[in-house]
Amino acid sequence: MLNIFLRWIAYALAIVFISWIIPGIEVENFLSAMFVCIILALINTIIKPLIEIIALPVTVLTLGLFSFVINALMLMLAGWIAPGFEVEGFFSALFGSLLLSLFALGISRI
């Protein structure tokens, strides 16, 4: 249980850090970042697998690069749903999702 809570805090800190680095991604406060973590977890659990199945031919044709586009769209969806979290533009979402994926690699080792 403590491990899950530590990961949740680490993801929220990563989202706050990404909002400082990338223009176009804004988080009001740490509580909003923690709420974004919950929203992203739900999106990645429910919606993302459906989108990946639908987009499988395009993903195969682009040798997997379209998965970056899917990740960016999921981050933009989280920005649309979550209060206190804004993602302005596709390229901000793309770079933000890339950085969040890199942080997720390190956080998953906690």
N, C-alpha and C. Protein backbone atom coordinates (compact mmCIF):
# COMPACT_ATOMS: atom_id res chain seq x y z
N MET A 1 0.82 -1.19 0.00
CA MET A 1 0.00 0.00 0.00
C MET A 1 0.86 1.26 0.00
N LEU A 2 1.91 1.24 0.79
CA LEU A 2 2.83 2.38 0.83
C LEU A 2 3.52 2.57 -0.51
N ASN A 3 3.83 1.45 -1.17
CA ASN A 3 4.48 1.51 -2.47
C ASN A 3 3.60 2.21 -3.50
N ILE A 4 2.31 1.92 -3.50
CA ILE A 4 1.38 2.55 -4.43
C ILE A 4 1.29 4.05 -4.14
N PHE A 5 1.24 4.41 -2.87
CA PHE A 5 1.15 5.82 -2.50
C PHE A 5 2.42 6.57 -2.92
N LEU A 6 3.58 5.96 -2.75
CA LEU A 6 4.84 6.59 -3.16
C LEU A 6 4.90 6.79 -4.67
N ARG A 7 4.41 5.81 -5.44
CA ARG A 7 4.38 5.96 -6.89
C ARG A 7 3.42 7.07 -7.30
N TRP A 8 2.29 7.15 -6.63
CA TRP A 8 1.31 8.19 -6.94
C TRP A 8 1.92 9.57 -6.72
N ILE A 9 2.63 9.74 -5.61
CA ILE A 9 3.28 11.02 -5.32
C ILE A 9 4.39 11.30 -6.34
N ALA A 10 5.15 10.27 -6.71
CA ALA A 10 6.23 10.44 -7.68
C ALA A 10 5.67 10.84 -9.05
N TYR A 11 4.58 10.22 -9.48
CA TYR A 11 3.96 10.61 -10.75
C TYR A 11 3.44 12.05 -10.68
N ALA A 12 2.85 12.43 -9.58
CA ALA A 12 2.36 13.80 -9.43
C ALA A 12 3.52 14.80 -9.48
N LEU A 13 4.63 14.47 -8.83
CA LEU A 13 5.81 15.34 -8.90
C LEU A 13 6.35 15.42 -10.32
N ALA A 14 6.31 14.30 -11.04
CA ALA A 14 6.76 14.30 -12.43
C ALA A 14 5.87 15.20 -13.28
N ILE A 15 4.58 15.17 -13.05
CA ILE A 15 3.66 16.03 -13.81
C ILE A 15 3.92 17.50 -13.50
N VAL A 16 4.16 17.82 -12.24
CA VAL A 16 4.48 19.21 -11.88
C VAL A 16 5.79 19.63 -12.54
N PHE A 17 6.79 18.75 -12.53
CA PHE A 17 8.08 19.06 -13.14
C PHE A 17 7.94 19.27 -14.65
N ILE A 18 7.14 18.43 -15.28
CA ILE A 18 6.92 18.56 -16.73
C ILE A 18 6.22 19.88 -17.04
N SER A 19 5.31 20.29 -16.16
CA SER A 19 4.63 21.57 -16.40
C SER A 19 5.60 22.75 -16.27
N TRP A 20 6.64 22.60 -15.49
CA TRP A 20 7.65 23.66 -15.39
C TRP A 20 8.53 23.70 -16.64
N ILE A 21 8.81 22.54 -17.22
CA ILE A 21 9.75 22.46 -18.34
C ILE A 21 9.09 22.80 -19.67
N ILE A 22 7.92 22.26 -19.91
CA ILE A 22 7.31 22.37 -21.22
C ILE A 22 6.26 23.49 -21.24
N PRO A 23 6.47 24.47 -22.09
CA PRO A 23 5.44 25.51 -22.22
C PRO A 23 4.20 24.91 -22.87
N GLY A 24 3.06 25.30 -22.38
CA GLY A 24 1.82 24.78 -22.91
C GLY A 24 1.18 23.72 -22.02
N ILE A 25 1.90 23.28 -21.00
CA ILE A 25 1.34 22.36 -20.01
C ILE A 25 1.36 23.08 -18.68
N GLU A 26 0.19 23.22 -18.08
CA GLU A 26 0.08 23.97 -16.84
C GLU A 26 -0.68 23.16 -15.79
N VAL A 27 -0.16 23.18 -14.57
CA VAL A 27 -0.82 22.55 -13.44
C VAL A 27 -0.98 23.62 -12.37
N GLU A 28 -2.20 23.75 -11.84
CA GLU A 28 -2.45 24.79 -10.84
C GLU A 28 -1.71 24.53 -9.53
N ASN A 29 -1.82 23.28 -9.03
CA ASN A 29 -1.18 22.96 -7.75
C ASN A 29 -0.93 21.46 -7.68
N PHE A 30 -0.34 21.04 -6.58
CA PHE A 30 0.03 19.63 -6.43
C PHE A 30 -1.20 18.74 -6.33
N LEU A 31 -2.26 19.23 -5.73
CA LEU A 31 -3.48 18.44 -5.63
C LEU A 31 -4.07 18.18 -7.02
N SER A 32 -3.99 19.15 -7.90
CA SER A 32 -4.44 18.96 -9.28
C SER A 32 -3.58 17.91 -9.97
N ALA A 33 -2.28 17.93 -9.71
CA ALA A 33 -1.39 16.93 -10.31
C ALA A 33 -1.73 15.53 -9.81
N MET A 34 -2.09 15.41 -8.55
CA MET A 34 -2.47 14.09 -8.03
C MET A 34 -3.78 13.62 -8.66
N PHE A 35 -4.69 14.54 -8.90
CA PHE A 35 -5.94 14.20 -9.57
C PHE A 35 -5.69 13.80 -11.02
N VAL A 36 -4.73 14.47 -11.68
CA VAL A 36 -4.36 14.12 -13.05
C VAL A 36 -3.83 12.69 -13.11
N CYS A 37 -3.09 12.29 -12.09
CA CYS A 37 -2.58 10.91 -12.04
C CYS A 37 -3.72 9.91 -12.05
N ILE A 38 -4.76 10.19 -11.30
CA ILE A 38 -5.92 9.30 -11.26
C ILE A 38 -6.61 9.28 -12.62
N ILE A 39 -6.79 10.45 -13.21
CA ILE A 39 -7.44 10.55 -14.52
C ILE A 39 -6.63 9.79 -15.57
N LEU A 40 -5.31 9.99 -15.58
CA LEU A 40 -4.46 9.30 -16.54
C LEU A 40 -4.49 7.79 -16.35
N ALA A 41 -4.53 7.35 -15.10
CA ALA A 41 -4.62 5.91 -14.84
C ALA A 41 -5.91 5.33 -15.40
N LEU A 42 -7.01 6.05 -15.20
CA LEU A 42 -8.29 5.58 -15.75
C LEU A 42 -8.30 5.60 -17.27
N ILE A 43 -7.75 6.66 -17.86
CA ILE A 43 -7.69 6.75 -19.32
C ILE A 43 -6.83 5.63 -19.88
N ASN A 44 -5.67 5.40 -19.27
CA ASN A 44 -4.77 4.36 -19.77
C ASN A 44 -5.31 2.96 -19.55
N THR A 45 -6.23 2.80 -18.61
CA THR A 45 -6.82 1.49 -18.35
C THR A 45 -8.02 1.21 -19.23
N ILE A 46 -8.85 2.22 -19.46
CA ILE A 46 -10.12 2.01 -20.15
C ILE A 46 -10.07 2.42 -21.62
N ILE A 47 -9.66 3.63 -21.91
CA ILE A 47 -9.78 4.18 -23.26
C ILE A 47 -8.59 3.82 -24.15
N LYS A 48 -7.37 3.91 -23.62
CA LYS A 48 -6.18 3.71 -24.44
C LYS A 48 -6.13 2.34 -25.11
N PRO A 49 -6.47 1.23 -24.43
CA PRO A 49 -6.43 -0.06 -25.14
C PRO A 49 -7.39 -0.12 -26.33
N LEU A 50 -8.55 0.51 -26.21
CA LEU A 50 -9.50 0.54 -27.32
C LEU A 50 -8.94 1.32 -28.50
N ILE A 51 -8.34 2.47 -28.21
CA ILE A 51 -7.74 3.30 -29.27
C ILE A 51 -6.58 2.57 -29.92
N GLU A 52 -5.77 1.85 -29.13
CA GLU A 52 -4.64 1.12 -29.70
C GLU A 52 -5.10 0.00 -30.63
N ILE A 53 -6.19 -0.67 -30.29
CA ILE A 53 -6.71 -1.73 -31.17
C ILE A 53 -7.24 -1.13 -32.46
N ILE A 54 -7.96 -0.02 -32.36
CA ILE A 54 -8.50 0.63 -33.56
C ILE A 54 -7.36 1.14 -34.45
N ALA A 55 -6.31 1.68 -33.84
CA ALA A 55 -5.20 2.28 -34.59
C ALA A 55 -4.08 1.29 -34.91
N LEU A 56 -4.31 0.01 -34.67
CA LEU A 56 -3.25 -0.98 -34.89
C LEU A 56 -2.70 -0.98 -36.32
N PRO A 57 -3.52 -0.90 -37.38
CA PRO A 57 -2.93 -0.86 -38.72
C PRO A 57 -2.01 0.34 -38.95
N VAL A 58 -2.41 1.50 -38.45
CA VAL A 58 -1.57 2.70 -38.61
C VAL A 58 -0.29 2.55 -37.80
N THR A 59 -0.39 1.98 -36.62
CA THR A 59 0.78 1.78 -35.77
C THR A 59 1.77 0.81 -36.43
N VAL A 60 1.26 -0.23 -37.06
CA VAL A 60 2.13 -1.17 -37.76
C VAL A 60 2.79 -0.50 -38.95
N LEU A 61 2.02 0.29 -39.70
CA LEU A 61 2.59 0.97 -40.88
C LEU A 61 3.67 1.98 -40.51
N THR A 62 3.53 2.60 -39.34
CA THR A 62 4.52 3.60 -38.91
C THR A 62 5.60 2.99 -38.01
N LEU A 63 5.62 1.67 -37.94
CA LEU A 63 6.61 0.94 -37.14
C LEU A 63 6.56 1.32 -35.66
N GLY A 64 5.36 1.57 -35.18
CA GLY A 64 5.16 1.86 -33.77
C GLY A 64 5.21 3.32 -33.38
N LEU A 65 5.56 4.19 -34.31
CA LEU A 65 5.69 5.60 -33.98
C LEU A 65 4.34 6.26 -33.70
N PHE A 66 3.27 5.69 -34.22
CA PHE A 66 1.94 6.26 -33.97
C PHE A 66 1.55 6.12 -32.50
N SER A 67 2.19 5.24 -31.77
CA SER A 67 1.89 5.11 -30.34
C SER A 67 2.25 6.39 -29.59
N PHE A 68 3.24 7.14 -30.09
CA PHE A 68 3.56 8.43 -29.48
C PHE A 68 2.41 9.41 -29.65
N VAL A 69 1.77 9.35 -30.81
CA VAL A 69 0.61 10.21 -31.08
C VAL A 69 -0.54 9.83 -30.15
N ILE A 70 -0.75 8.52 -29.96
CA ILE A 70 -1.82 8.06 -29.07
C ILE A 70 -1.56 8.54 -27.64
N ASN A 71 -0.31 8.44 -27.19
CA ASN A 71 0.03 8.91 -25.83
C ASN A 71 -0.23 10.41 -25.70
N ALA A 72 0.12 11.18 -26.73
CA ALA A 72 -0.11 12.62 -26.69
C ALA A 72 -1.60 12.93 -26.64
N LEU A 73 -2.38 12.19 -27.40
CA LEU A 73 -3.83 12.42 -27.39
C LEU A 73 -4.44 12.06 -26.03
N MET A 74 -3.90 11.03 -25.38
CA MET A 74 -4.41 10.66 -24.06
C MET A 74 -4.07 11.74 -23.03
N LEU A 75 -2.90 12.36 -23.16
CA LEU A 75 -2.53 13.45 -22.26
C LEU A 75 -3.42 14.67 -22.52
N MET A 76 -3.73 14.92 -23.78
CA MET A 76 -4.64 16.03 -24.10
C MET A 76 -6.04 15.76 -23.55
N LEU A 77 -6.48 14.52 -23.60
CA LEU A 77 -7.77 14.16 -23.04
C LEU A 77 -7.78 14.38 -21.53
N ALA A 78 -6.70 14.02 -20.87
CA ALA A 78 -6.59 14.27 -19.43
C ALA A 78 -6.64 15.76 -19.14
N GLY A 79 -6.02 16.56 -19.99
CA GLY A 79 -6.08 18.01 -19.82
C GLY A 79 -7.47 18.57 -20.03
N TRP A 80 -8.25 17.91 -20.85
CA TRP A 80 -9.62 18.34 -21.09
C TRP A 80 -10.54 17.96 -19.93
N ILE A 81 -10.25 16.80 -19.30
CA ILE A 81 -11.11 16.30 -18.23
C ILE A 81 -10.75 16.90 -16.87
N ALA A 82 -9.48 16.91 -16.54
CA ALA A 82 -9.03 17.26 -15.18
C ALA A 82 -9.07 18.77 -14.95
N PRO A 83 -9.71 19.20 -13.88
CA PRO A 83 -9.67 20.61 -13.54
C PRO A 83 -8.29 20.98 -12.97
N GLY A 84 -7.80 22.13 -13.35
CA GLY A 84 -6.50 22.58 -12.85
C GLY A 84 -5.33 22.06 -13.66
N PHE A 85 -5.60 21.41 -14.79
CA PHE A 85 -4.55 20.86 -15.65
C PHE A 85 -4.90 21.20 -17.09
N GLU A 86 -3.99 21.91 -17.76
CA GLU A 86 -4.25 22.33 -19.13
C GLU A 86 -3.09 21.92 -20.03
N VAL A 87 -3.44 21.41 -21.18
CA VAL A 87 -2.47 21.08 -22.22
C VAL A 87 -2.87 21.86 -23.46
N GLU A 88 -1.99 22.76 -23.87
CA GLU A 88 -2.29 23.64 -25.00
C GLU A 88 -1.48 23.20 -26.21
N GLY A 89 -2.12 22.51 -27.12
CA GLY A 89 -1.47 22.14 -28.37
C GLY A 89 -0.93 20.73 -28.38
N PHE A 90 -0.84 20.21 -29.60
CA PHE A 90 -0.43 18.82 -29.77
C PHE A 90 1.04 18.61 -29.43
N PHE A 91 1.91 19.54 -29.84
CA PHE A 91 3.33 19.33 -29.61
C PHE A 91 3.70 19.42 -28.13
N SER A 92 3.01 20.25 -27.39
CA SER A 92 3.21 20.26 -25.94
C SER A 92 2.81 18.93 -25.35
N ALA A 93 1.70 18.38 -25.82
CA ALA A 93 1.25 17.07 -25.34
C ALA A 93 2.22 15.98 -25.74
N LEU A 94 2.76 16.07 -26.95
CA LEU A 94 3.71 15.05 -27.42
C LEU A 94 4.98 15.05 -26.58
N PHE A 95 5.56 16.22 -26.37
CA PHE A 95 6.78 16.29 -25.57
C PHE A 95 6.50 15.94 -24.10
N GLY A 96 5.35 16.37 -23.61
CA GLY A 96 4.97 16.04 -22.24
C GLY A 96 4.78 14.55 -22.05
N SER A 97 4.15 13.89 -23.01
CA SER A 97 3.94 12.45 -22.89
C SER A 97 5.26 11.69 -23.01
N LEU A 98 6.18 12.20 -23.83
CA LEU A 98 7.50 11.56 -23.92
C LEU A 98 8.25 11.66 -22.59
N LEU A 99 8.24 12.86 -22.00
CA LEU A 99 8.91 13.02 -20.71
C LEU A 99 8.23 12.20 -19.61
N LEU A 100 6.92 12.17 -19.63
CA LEU A 100 6.19 11.39 -18.62
C LEU A 100 6.49 9.90 -18.77
N SER A 101 6.66 9.43 -19.99
CA SER A 101 7.02 8.03 -20.21
C SER A 101 8.42 7.74 -19.67
N LEU A 102 9.34 8.68 -19.86
CA LEU A 102 10.69 8.49 -19.31
C LEU A 102 10.68 8.47 -17.79
N PHE A 103 9.90 9.38 -17.19
CA PHE A 103 9.78 9.36 -15.73
C PHE A 103 9.12 8.09 -15.25
N ALA A 104 8.16 7.59 -16.01
CA ALA A 104 7.45 6.37 -15.62
C ALA A 104 8.39 5.16 -15.58
N LEU A 105 9.39 5.16 -16.46
CA LEU A 105 10.38 4.09 -16.41
C LEU A 105 11.12 4.07 -15.07
N GLY A 106 11.51 5.23 -14.62
CA GLY A 106 12.21 5.31 -13.33
C GLY A 106 11.28 5.07 -12.14
N ILE A 107 10.07 5.58 -12.23
CA ILE A 107 9.13 5.45 -11.12
C ILE A 107 8.69 3.99 -10.95
N SER A 108 8.60 3.27 -12.06
CA SER A 108 8.16 1.87 -11.96
C SER A 108 9.14 1.01 -11.19
N ARG A 109 10.33 1.47 -10.97
CA ARG A 109 11.33 0.72 -10.21
C ARG A 109 11.23 0.93 -8.69
N ILE A 110 10.33 1.84 -8.29
CA ILE A 110 10.16 2.10 -6.85
C ILE A 110 9.50 0.91 -6.20
